[in-house]
C-alpha atoms as a PDB file:
ATOM      1  CA  MET A   1      16.082  13.833  22.997  1.00  0.00           C
ATOM      2  CA  PRO A   2      14.371  16.581  25.026  1.00  0.00           C
ATOM      3  CA  ASP A   3      10.520  16.233  25.405  1.00  0.00           C
ATOM      4  CA  GLN A   4       9.967  19.514  23.524  1.00  0.00           C
ATOM      5  CA  TYR A   5      11.275  17.790  20.312  1.00  0.00           C
ATOM      6  CA  SER A   6       9.398  14.524  20.757  1.00  0.00           C
ATOM      7  CA  ASP A   7       6.874  13.438  18.116  1.00  0.00           C
ATOM      8  CA  ARG A   8       3.512  14.659  19.616  1.00  0.00           C
ATOM      9  CA  ARG A   9       1.315  13.198  16.894  1.00  0.00           C
ATOM     10  CA  SER A  10      -1.815  11.402  18.010  1.00  0.00           C
ATOM     11  CA  GLU A  11      -1.747   8.793  15.191  1.00  0.00           C
ATOM     12  CA  PRO A  12       1.321   6.950  13.731  1.00  0.00           C
ATOM     13  CA  ARG A  13       2.372   8.238  10.309  1.00  0.00           C
ATOM     14  CA  GLN A  14       3.323   6.208   7.286  1.00  0.00           C
ATOM     15  CA  ALA A  15       5.983   7.533   4.862  1.00  0.00           C
ATOM     16  CA  ARG A  16       4.629   8.013   1.407  1.00  0.00           C
ATOM     17  CA  ASP A  17       5.669   9.662  -1.867  1.00  0.00           C
ATOM     18  CA  ASP A  18       2.319  10.067  -3.556  1.00  0.00           C
ATOM     19  CA  THR A  19       0.621  12.445  -5.898  1.00  0.00           C
ATOM     20  CA  GLY A  20      -1.997  14.783  -4.644  1.00  0.00           C
ATOM     21  CA  VAL A  21      -3.814  18.047  -5.260  1.00  0.00           C
ATOM     22  CA  LEU A  22      -4.812  20.738  -2.833  1.00  0.00           C
ATOM     23  CA  LEU A  23      -8.131  22.392  -3.558  1.00  0.00           C
ATOM     24  CA  PHE A  24      -9.004  25.770  -2.109  1.00  0.00           C
ATOM     25  CA  LEU A  25     -12.751  26.270  -2.662  1.00  0.00           C
ATOM     26  CA  SER A  26     -12.563  29.851  -1.323  1.00  0.00           C
ATOM     27  CA  ASP A  27     -10.811  30.957  -4.571  1.00  0.00           C
ATOM     28  CA  ASN A  28     -11.264  27.852  -6.710  1.00  0.00           C
ATOM     29  CA  GLN A  29      -7.590  27.198  -6.738  1.00  0.00           C
ATOM     30  CA  ILE A  30      -5.908  23.776  -7.500  1.00  0.00           C
ATOM     31  CA  ILE A  31      -2.368  23.202  -6.516  1.00  0.00           C
ATOM     32  CA  ASN A  32      -0.308  20.023  -7.266  1.00  0.00           C
ATOM     33  CA  CYS A  33       1.411  18.536  -4.155  1.00  0.00           C
ATOM     34  CA  ARG A  34       3.336  15.478  -3.053  1.00  0.00           C
ATOM     35  CA  ILE A  35       1.971  13.567  -0.052  1.00  0.00           C
ATOM     36  CA  LEU A  36       5.186  12.959   2.089  1.00  0.00           C
ATOM     37  CA  ASP A  37       3.523  11.137   4.959  1.00  0.00           C
ATOM     38  CA  SER A  38       0.023  10.490   6.298  1.00  0.00           C
ATOM     39  CA  SER A  39      -2.138   9.077   9.087  1.00  0.00           C
ATOM     40  CA  ALA A  40      -5.800   8.604   9.592  1.00  0.00           C
ATOM     41  CA  THR A  41      -6.111  12.182  10.832  1.00  0.00           C
ATOM     42  CA  GLY A  42      -3.507  14.192   8.939  1.00  0.00           C
ATOM     43  CA  ALA A  43      -0.754  14.393   6.274  1.00  0.00           C
ATOM     44  CA  ARG A  44       2.389  16.287   5.481  1.00  0.00           C
ATOM     45  CA  VAL A  45       2.494  17.704   1.891  1.00  0.00           C
ATOM     46  CA  ALA A  46       5.055  19.500  -0.227  1.00  0.00           C
ATOM     47  CA  MET A  47       3.957  22.078  -2.725  1.00  0.00           C
ATOM     48  CA  GLU A  48       4.963  25.240  -4.462  1.00  0.00           C
ATOM     49  CA  ALA A  49       5.072  28.377  -2.159  1.00  0.00           C
ATOM     50  CA  LEU A  50       1.675  29.706  -1.389  1.00  0.00           C
ATOM     51  CA  SER A  51       0.643  33.396  -0.950  1.00  0.00           C
ATOM     52  CA  HIS A  52      -2.212  32.539   1.366  1.00  0.00           C
ATOM     53  CA  ILE A  53      -3.761  29.454   3.154  1.00  0.00           C
ATOM     54  CA  PRO A  54      -7.487  29.314   3.479  1.00  0.00           C
ATOM     55  CA  SER A  55      -9.164  27.936   6.582  1.00  0.00           C
ATOM     56  CA  GLU A  56     -10.662  25.105   4.657  1.00  0.00           C
ATOM     57  CA  ILE A  57      -8.421  22.851   2.474  1.00  0.00           C
ATOM     58  CA  TRP A  58      -9.351  19.664   0.441  1.00  0.00           C
ATOM     59  CA  LEU A  59      -6.618  17.181  -0.333  1.00  0.00           C
ATOM     60  CA  ILE A  60      -7.370  14.956  -3.318  1.00  0.00           C
ATOM     61  CA  ASP A  61      -5.202  11.913  -2.885  1.00  0.00           C
ATOM     62  CA  LEU A  62      -4.802  10.442  -6.351  1.00  0.00           C
ATOM     63  CA  ASN A  63      -3.080   7.286  -5.285  1.00  0.00           C
ATOM     64  CA  SER A  64      -5.742   6.129  -2.767  1.00  0.00           C
ATOM     65  CA  GLN A  65      -8.683   7.790  -4.613  1.00  0.00           C
ATOM     66  CA  MET A  66      -9.804   9.728  -1.521  1.00  0.00           C
ATOM     67  CA  VAL A  67     -10.903  13.283  -0.805  1.00  0.00           C
ATOM     68  CA  LYS A  68      -9.997  14.758   2.683  1.00  0.00           C
ATOM     69  CA  ARG A  69     -11.148  17.986   4.133  1.00  0.00           C
ATOM     70  CA  GLY A  70      -9.159  19.726   6.843  1.00  0.00           C
ATOM     71  CA  SER A  71      -7.145  22.691   7.722  1.00  0.00           C
ATOM     72  CA  ALA A  72      -3.438  23.649   7.977  1.00  0.00           C
ATOM     73  CA  ALA A  73      -1.982  22.561  11.291  1.00  0.00           C
ATOM     74  CA  TRP A  74       1.303  24.259  10.452  1.00  0.00           C
ATOM     75  CA  SER A  75       2.987  25.603   7.345  1.00  0.00           C
ATOM     76  CA  MET A  76       6.374  26.690   6.094  1.00  0.00           C
ATOM     77  CA  ALA A  77       7.599  27.902   2.664  1.00  0.00           C
ATOM     78  CA  ASN A  78       6.954  24.726   0.649  1.00  0.00           C
ATOM     79  CA  ARG A  79       5.410  22.341   3.156  1.00  0.00           C
ATOM     80  CA  MET A  80       2.284  22.043   5.193  1.00  0.00           C
ATOM     81  CA  GLY A  81       0.837  19.781   7.783  1.00  0.00           C
ATOM     82  CA  LEU A  82      -2.844  19.019   7.435  1.00  0.00           C
ATOM     83  CA  LYS A  83      -5.381  17.939  10.021  1.00  0.00           C
ATOM     84  CA  PHE A  84      -8.452  16.178   8.559  1.00  0.00           C
ATOM     85  CA  ASN A  85     -11.918  16.395   9.769  1.00  0.00           C
ATOM     86  CA  PHE A  86     -13.677  14.431   6.843  1.00  0.00           C
ATOM     87  CA  ILE A  87     -12.478  11.679   4.596  1.00  0.00           C
ATOM     88  CA  GLN A  88     -14.317   9.977   1.708  1.00  0.00           C
ATOM     89  CA  LYS A  89     -13.202   7.263  -0.705  1.00  0.00           C
ATOM     90  CA  LEU A  90     -14.286   7.860  -4.369  1.00  0.00           C
ATOM     91  CA  ALA A  91     -14.530   5.229  -7.017  1.00  0.00           C
ATOM     92  CA  PRO A  92     -14.542   5.852 -10.829  1.00  0.00           C
ATOM     93  CA  GLY A  93     -18.116   5.484 -12.165  1.00  0.00           C
ATOM     94  CA  ASP A  94     -19.894   5.838  -8.797  1.00  0.00           C
ATOM     95  CA  ALA A  95     -22.163   8.830  -8.140  1.00  0.00           C
ATOM     96  CA  ARG A  96     -20.967  11.728  -6.004  1.00  0.00           C
ATOM     97  CA  PRO A  97     -21.330  11.022  -2.230  1.00  0.00           C
ATOM     98  CA  ALA A  98     -23.831  13.433  -0.631  1.00  0.00           C
ATOM     99  CA  LYS A  99     -21.233  14.857   1.778  1.00  0.00           C
ATOM    100  CA  VAL A 100     -18.653  15.777  -0.952  1.00  0.00           C
ATOM    101  CA  PRO A 101     -19.411  19.215  -2.412  1.00  0.00           C
ATOM    102  CA  GLN A 102     -19.979  19.253  -6.120  1.00  0.00           C
ATOM    103  CA  GLU A 103     -16.935  21.470  -6.704  1.00  0.00           C
ATOM    104  CA  VAL A 104     -14.768  18.906  -5.010  1.00  0.00           C
ATOM    105  CA  TYR A 105     -16.208  16.070  -6.917  1.00  0.00           C
ATOM    106  CA  ASP A 106     -15.817  17.972 -10.222  1.00  0.00           C
ATOM    107  CA  ALA A 107     -12.198  18.789  -9.430  1.00  0.00           C
ATOM    108  CA  TRP A 108     -11.629  15.014  -8.596  1.00  0.00           C
ATOM    109  CA  LEU A 109     -13.039  14.120 -12.014  1.00  0.00           C
ATOM    110  CA  ARG A 110     -10.826  16.736 -13.739  1.00  0.00           C
ATOM    111  CA  VAL A 111      -7.556  15.564 -12.215  1.00  0.00           C
ATOM    112  CA  THR A 112      -8.389  11.867 -12.631  1.00  0.00           C
ATOM    113  CA  ASN A 113      -9.643  12.377 -16.270  1.00  0.00           C
ATOM    114  CA  GLY A 114     -13.268  11.392 -15.439  1.00  0.00           C
ATOM    115  CA  PRO A 115     -14.721   8.298 -13.971  1.00  0.00           C
ATOM    116  CA  ALA A 116     -14.919   5.863 -16.749  1.00  0.00           C
ATOM    117  CA  GLN A 117     -12.992   7.525 -19.502  1.00  0.00           C
ATOM    118  CA  ALA A 118     -10.200   5.242 -20.511  1.00  0.00           C
ATOM    119  CA  THR A 119      -7.389   6.929 -22.172  1.00  0.00           C
ATOM    120  CA  PRO A 120      -6.483   5.309 -25.461  1.00  0.00           C
ATOM    121  CA  GLU A 121      -3.122   3.587 -25.223  1.00  0.00           C
ATOM    122  CA  ALA A 122      -0.462   4.723 -27.518  1.00  0.00           C
ATOM    123  CA  PRO A 123       0.544   2.168 -30.024  1.00  0.00           C
ATOM    124  CA  LYS A 124       3.405   0.124 -28.802  1.00  0.00           C
ATOM    125  CA  PRO A 125       6.506  -0.054 -30.740  1.00  0.00           C
ATOM    126  CA  GLU A 126       7.009  -3.297 -32.544  1.00  0.00           C
ATOM    127  CA  GLU A 127       9.448  -5.662 -31.034  1.00  0.00           C
ATOM    128  CA  PRO A 128      12.301  -6.687 -33.181  1.00  0.00           C
ATOM    129  CA  GLY A 129      11.522 -10.105 -34.693  1.00  0.00           C
ATOM    130  CA  ASP A 130      13.142 -12.460 -37.045  1.00  0.00           C
ATOM    131  CA  ASP A 131      12.714 -10.082 -39.915  1.00  0.00           C
ATOM    132  CA  VAL A 132      15.158  -7.521 -38.371  1.00  0.00           C
ATOM    133  CA  LEU A 133      18.833  -7.810 -38.986  1.00  0.00           C
ATOM    134  CA  TYR A 134      21.422  -5.910 -36.841  1.00  0.00           C
ATOM    135  CA  PHE A 135      24.982  -5.056 -38.076  1.00  0.00           C
ATOM    136  CA  ASP A 136      27.786  -4.529 -35.665  1.00  0.00           C
END
């Protein structure tokens, strides 16, 4: 393979297929995305086509409960490479970390349904027992 096509990433990437949200604070826009792969310093995401890409992008990683601030390293129609300059783990029920903007924390709460709000479970269908008779 010619050198021009070699992988020039500074960190090894791990393949993923996780749920995320892109947050653009400049216009208060939230866009659902799939995290396709990630490293300590970046990620590749798939999303709907975007009309513009702001200079600052927040990725809310729903599977790892992290918020990551960065910028677009590259973009195409429905995919984008992100380069991170800040990462913060968030935990349900904990206070907002000082370096996470209130708007980002509020968006994280919205997309995770709040810190300690358990969603009531739907009633489970009853399992067939001895009182059920099946006919062939």
